[in-house]
Amino acid sequence: MALLLAKRAVQNLHSGESMEIHVTDTGARQDIPRYLSNHGFTIEVRVDNHQVLEIIVTKGL
C-alpha cells in the first residue's frame, strides 16, 4: 500500500520538482527508494533510523 501511495504522489511532480516522503513501513523502506531510483528519480536520504526513513525525491529532467 505504501508503494502505491508513493507512486501516485510522485506522478504529479514536474521535472526538477521535489517531494519529501516519510516511510515507516518496514518493507516499503527498501521498495520505495528502489522503485523511484529505477524510474528516473533522484533520492536524498534525510533521516534513516529504526522508526522512519525520510527521503527527498526529485524528478529527473
C-alpha atoms as a PDB file:
ATOM      1  CA  MET A   1       0.000   0.000   0.000  1.00  0.00           C
ATOM      2  CA  ALA A   2       2.809   2.432   0.861  1.00  0.00           C
ATOM      3  CA  LEU A   3       4.494   1.896  -2.502  1.00  0.00           C
ATOM      4  CA  LEU A   4       1.227   2.552  -4.327  1.00  0.00           C
ATOM      5  CA  LEU A   5       0.728   5.803  -2.401  1.00  0.00           C
ATOM      6  CA  ALA A   6       4.277   6.914  -3.205  1.00  0.00           C
ATOM      7  CA  LYS A   7       3.785   6.122  -6.919  1.00  0.00           C
ATOM      8  CA  ARG A   8       0.614   8.210  -7.007  1.00  0.00           C
ATOM      9  CA  ALA A   9       2.216  11.099  -5.138  1.00  0.00           C
ATOM     10  CA  VAL A  10       5.221  11.424  -7.446  1.00  0.00           C
ATOM     11  CA  GLN A  11       3.090  11.237 -10.602  1.00  0.00           C
ATOM     12  CA  ASN A  12       2.189  14.891 -10.110  1.00  0.00           C
ATOM     13  CA  LEU A  13       5.799  16.098  -9.975  1.00  0.00           C
ATOM     14  CA  HIS A  14       7.237  18.012 -12.910  1.00  0.00           C
ATOM     15  CA  SER A  15      10.868  17.721 -13.978  1.00  0.00           C
ATOM     16  CA  GLY A  16      13.142  19.164 -11.302  1.00  0.00           C
ATOM     17  CA  GLU A  17      10.432  19.276  -8.617  1.00  0.00           C
ATOM     18  CA  SER A  18      10.981  17.623  -5.242  1.00  0.00           C
ATOM     19  CA  MET A  19       8.840  15.982  -2.599  1.00  0.00           C
ATOM     20  CA  GLU A  20       9.593  14.772   0.913  1.00  0.00           C
ATOM     21  CA  ILE A  21       8.413  11.249   1.731  1.00  0.00           C
ATOM     22  CA  HIS A  22       8.320   9.668   5.207  1.00  0.00           C
ATOM     23  CA  VAL A  23       8.290   5.860   5.278  1.00  0.00           C
ATOM     24  CA  THR A  24       7.560   3.848   8.419  1.00  0.00           C
ATOM     25  CA  ASP A  25       6.577   0.516   6.849  1.00  0.00           C
ATOM     26  CA  THR A  26       9.437  -1.987   7.106  1.00  0.00           C
ATOM     27  CA  GLY A  27       9.041  -3.483   3.624  1.00  0.00           C
ATOM     28  CA  ALA A  28       8.469  -0.145   1.930  1.00  0.00           C
ATOM     29  CA  ARG A  29      11.765   1.214   3.314  1.00  0.00           C
ATOM     30  CA  GLN A  30      13.508  -0.751   0.550  1.00  0.00           C
ATOM     31  CA  ASP A  31      10.752  -0.923  -2.065  1.00  0.00           C
ATOM     32  CA  ILE A  32      10.016   2.798  -2.421  1.00  0.00           C
ATOM     33  CA  PRO A  33      13.593   4.042  -2.939  1.00  0.00           C
ATOM     34  CA  ARG A  34      14.322   1.137  -5.317  1.00  0.00           C
ATOM     35  CA  TYR A  35      11.214   1.808  -7.410  1.00  0.00           C
ATOM     36  CA  LEU A  36      11.827   5.560  -7.566  1.00  0.00           C
ATOM     37  CA  SER A  37      15.501   5.296  -8.485  1.00  0.00           C
ATOM     38  CA  ASN A  38      14.633   2.751 -11.222  1.00  0.00           C
ATOM     39  CA  HIS A  39      12.131   5.253 -12.661  1.00  0.00           C
ATOM     40  CA  GLY A  40      14.393   8.283 -13.026  1.00  0.00           C
ATOM     41  CA  PHE A  41      14.034   9.942  -9.634  1.00  0.00           C
ATOM     42  CA  THR A  42      16.946  11.162  -7.517  1.00  0.00           C
ATOM     43  CA  ILE A  43      16.757  10.240  -3.847  1.00  0.00           C
ATOM     44  CA  GLU A  44      18.399  12.037  -0.939  1.00  0.00           C
ATOM     45  CA  VAL A  45      18.139  10.359   2.468  1.00  0.00           C
ATOM     46  CA  ARG A  46      17.485  12.877   5.251  1.00  0.00           C
ATOM     47  CA  VAL A  47      16.769  10.521   8.177  1.00  0.00           C
ATOM     48  CA  ASP A  48      17.244   6.771   8.391  1.00  0.00           C
ATOM     49  CA  ASN A  49      16.625   5.213  11.784  1.00  0.00           C
ATOM     50  CA  HIS A  50      14.553   2.331  13.158  1.00  0.00           C
ATOM     51  CA  GLN A  51      11.378   4.464  13.269  1.00  0.00           C
ATOM     52  CA  VAL A  52      11.339   6.341   9.971  1.00  0.00           C
ATOM     53  CA  LEU A  53      13.040   6.803   6.630  1.00  0.00           C
ATOM     54  CA  GLU A  54      12.764  10.374   5.349  1.00  0.00           C
ATOM     55  CA  ILE A  55      13.756  10.950   1.732  1.00  0.00           C
ATOM     56  CA  ILE A  56      13.686  13.857  -0.673  1.00  0.00           C
ATOM     57  CA  VAL A  57      12.620  12.662  -4.113  1.00  0.00           C
ATOM     58  CA  THR A  58      13.417  14.792  -7.179  1.00  0.00           C
ATOM     59  CA  LYS A  59      12.007  14.021 -10.612  1.00  0.00           C
ATOM     60  CA  GLY A  60      14.668  13.788 -13.297  1.00  0.00           C
ATOM     61  CA  LEU A  61      14.773  16.014 -16.354  1.00  0.00           C
END
